[in-house]
Amino acid sequence: MKKQAHDELHKWFAPYIELSEKFDAATEPSEQEEIYQEFKKMFLQFNIYFE
């Protein structure tokens, strides 16, 4: 992975880690569902920019 791609991956990955921690702390199913939907959006975005 080249420098720019590596940097861009970090821009995506840092919010992913934060969202993962938020999901781990969530206790209500509705909150977990909301976070899950955010994960789905993040992976759609990931698939647009990364192979």
N, C-alpha and C. Protein backbone atom coordinates (compact mmCIF):
# COMPACT_ATOMS: atom_id res chain seq x y z
N MET A 1 0.85 -1.16 0.00
CA MET A 1 0.00 0.00 0.00
C MET A 1 0.91 1.23 0.00
N LYS A 2 0.61 2.14 -0.90
CA LYS A 2 1.43 3.35 -1.01
C LYS A 2 1.04 4.37 0.03
N LYS A 3 1.87 5.34 0.22
CA LYS A 3 1.74 6.35 1.28
C LYS A 3 0.35 6.99 1.33
N GLN A 4 -0.12 7.52 0.20
CA GLN A 4 -1.41 8.21 0.22
C GLN A 4 -2.55 7.25 0.56
N ALA A 5 -2.55 6.06 -0.02
CA ALA A 5 -3.59 5.07 0.29
C ALA A 5 -3.54 4.70 1.76
N HIS A 6 -2.34 4.55 2.29
CA HIS A 6 -2.15 4.21 3.70
C HIS A 6 -2.73 5.31 4.59
N ASP A 7 -2.46 6.55 4.26
CA ASP A 7 -2.98 7.69 5.02
C ASP A 7 -4.50 7.74 4.96
N GLU A 8 -5.05 7.49 3.78
CA GLU A 8 -6.50 7.51 3.62
C GLU A 8 -7.16 6.38 4.42
N LEU A 9 -6.51 5.24 4.46
CA LEU A 9 -7.04 4.13 5.25
C LEU A 9 -7.13 4.50 6.72
N HIS A 10 -6.14 5.20 7.22
CA HIS A 10 -6.16 5.64 8.61
C HIS A 10 -7.31 6.60 8.87
N LYS A 11 -7.62 7.44 7.89
CA LYS A 11 -8.75 8.37 8.03
C LYS A 11 -10.06 7.61 8.18
N TRP A 12 -10.15 6.45 7.54
CA TRP A 12 -11.35 5.62 7.64
C TRP A 12 -11.31 4.78 8.92
N PHE A 13 -10.15 4.28 9.25
CA PHE A 13 -10.03 3.31 10.33
C PHE A 13 -10.22 3.92 11.73
N ALA A 14 -9.74 5.13 11.94
CA ALA A 14 -9.87 5.76 13.26
C ALA A 14 -11.34 5.90 13.68
N PRO A 15 -12.23 6.42 12.82
CA PRO A 15 -13.64 6.47 13.20
C PRO A 15 -14.26 5.07 13.38
N TYR A 16 -13.76 4.09 12.62
CA TYR A 16 -14.25 2.72 12.77
C TYR A 16 -13.96 2.20 14.17
N ILE A 17 -12.77 2.45 14.66
CA ILE A 17 -12.39 2.01 16.01
C ILE A 17 -13.29 2.68 17.05
N GLU A 18 -13.51 3.97 16.88
CA GLU A 18 -14.39 4.69 17.81
C GLU A 18 -15.80 4.12 17.80
N LEU A 19 -16.31 3.83 16.62
CA LEU A 19 -17.64 3.26 16.50
C LEU A 19 -17.70 1.87 17.12
N SER A 20 -16.64 1.10 16.96
CA SER A 20 -16.57 -0.23 17.57
C SER A 20 -16.64 -0.16 19.09
N GLU A 21 -15.94 0.80 19.65
CA GLU A 21 -15.97 0.98 21.10
C GLU A 21 -17.36 1.41 21.57
N LYS A 22 -17.99 2.27 20.78
CA LYS A 22 -19.35 2.71 21.11
C LYS A 22 -20.32 1.52 21.06
N PHE A 23 -20.14 0.66 20.06
CA PHE A 23 -21.01 -0.53 19.94
C PHE A 23 -20.81 -1.45 21.13
N ASP A 24 -19.57 -1.65 21.54
CA ASP A 24 -19.27 -2.51 22.69
C ASP A 24 -19.93 -1.99 23.97
N ALA A 25 -20.01 -0.68 24.10
CA ALA A 25 -20.59 -0.08 25.30
C ALA A 25 -22.12 0.01 25.25
N ALA A 26 -22.69 -0.13 24.07
CA ALA A 26 -24.15 0.00 23.92
C ALA A 26 -24.86 -1.16 24.62
N THR A 27 -25.91 -0.82 25.32
CA THR A 27 -26.67 -1.84 26.04
C THR A 27 -28.10 -2.01 25.50
N GLU A 28 -28.58 -1.01 24.82
CA GLU A 28 -29.94 -1.06 24.28
C GLU A 28 -29.92 -1.57 22.84
N PRO A 29 -30.79 -2.51 22.51
CA PRO A 29 -30.84 -3.01 21.14
C PRO A 29 -31.05 -1.92 20.09
N SER A 30 -31.85 -0.93 20.42
CA SER A 30 -32.08 0.15 19.45
C SER A 30 -30.80 0.93 19.18
N GLU A 31 -30.01 1.14 20.21
CA GLU A 31 -28.73 1.83 20.05
C GLU A 31 -27.76 0.96 19.25
N GLN A 32 -27.76 -0.33 19.52
CA GLN A 32 -26.89 -1.24 18.78
C GLN A 32 -27.28 -1.27 17.30
N GLU A 33 -28.57 -1.26 17.03
CA GLU A 33 -29.05 -1.26 15.64
C GLU A 33 -28.61 0.01 14.91
N GLU A 34 -28.70 1.13 15.59
CA GLU A 34 -28.28 2.41 15.02
C GLU A 34 -26.79 2.37 14.66
N ILE A 35 -26.00 1.86 15.55
CA ILE A 35 -24.56 1.77 15.33
C ILE A 35 -24.26 0.77 14.21
N TYR A 36 -24.99 -0.32 14.18
CA TYR A 36 -24.83 -1.31 13.12
C TYR A 36 -25.08 -0.68 11.75
N GLN A 37 -26.09 0.15 11.66
CA GLN A 37 -26.38 0.84 10.40
C GLN A 37 -25.22 1.76 10.00
N GLU A 38 -24.59 2.38 10.97
CA GLU A 38 -23.42 3.21 10.70
C GLU A 38 -22.27 2.36 10.18
N PHE A 39 -22.09 1.16 10.76
CA PHE A 39 -21.06 0.24 10.26
C PHE A 39 -21.31 -0.08 8.78
N LYS A 40 -22.54 -0.37 8.46
CA LYS A 40 -22.87 -0.71 7.07
C LYS A 40 -22.50 0.44 6.13
N LYS A 41 -22.82 1.67 6.53
CA LYS A 41 -22.47 2.83 5.71
C LYS A 41 -20.96 2.95 5.56
N MET A 42 -20.25 2.72 6.66
CA MET A 42 -18.79 2.83 6.61
C MET A 42 -18.19 1.81 5.64
N PHE A 43 -18.72 0.58 5.66
CA PHE A 43 -18.16 -0.44 4.77
C PHE A 43 -18.54 -0.20 3.32
N LEU A 44 -19.69 0.39 3.07
CA LEU A 44 -20.02 0.77 1.69
C LEU A 44 -19.03 1.82 1.20
N GLN A 45 -18.73 2.78 2.05
CA GLN A 45 -17.76 3.81 1.70
C GLN A 45 -16.37 3.19 1.50
N PHE A 46 -15.99 2.28 2.38
CA PHE A 46 -14.70 1.60 2.26
C PHE A 46 -14.58 0.91 0.91
N ASN A 47 -15.63 0.21 0.51
CA ASN A 47 -15.59 -0.53 -0.75
C ASN A 47 -15.52 0.38 -1.98
N ILE A 48 -15.93 1.62 -1.83
CA ILE A 48 -15.83 2.57 -2.95
C ILE A 48 -14.37 2.98 -3.15
N TYR A 49 -13.67 3.21 -2.05
CA TYR A 49 -12.33 3.79 -2.13
C TYR A 49 -11.18 2.79 -2.07
N PHE A 50 -11.44 1.59 -1.58
CA PHE A 50 -10.36 0.61 -1.43
C PHE A 50 -10.73 -0.70 -2.11
N GLU A 51 -9.74 -1.34 -2.68
CA GLU A 51 -9.95 -2.63 -3.33
C GLU A 51 -9.75 -3.75 -2.34
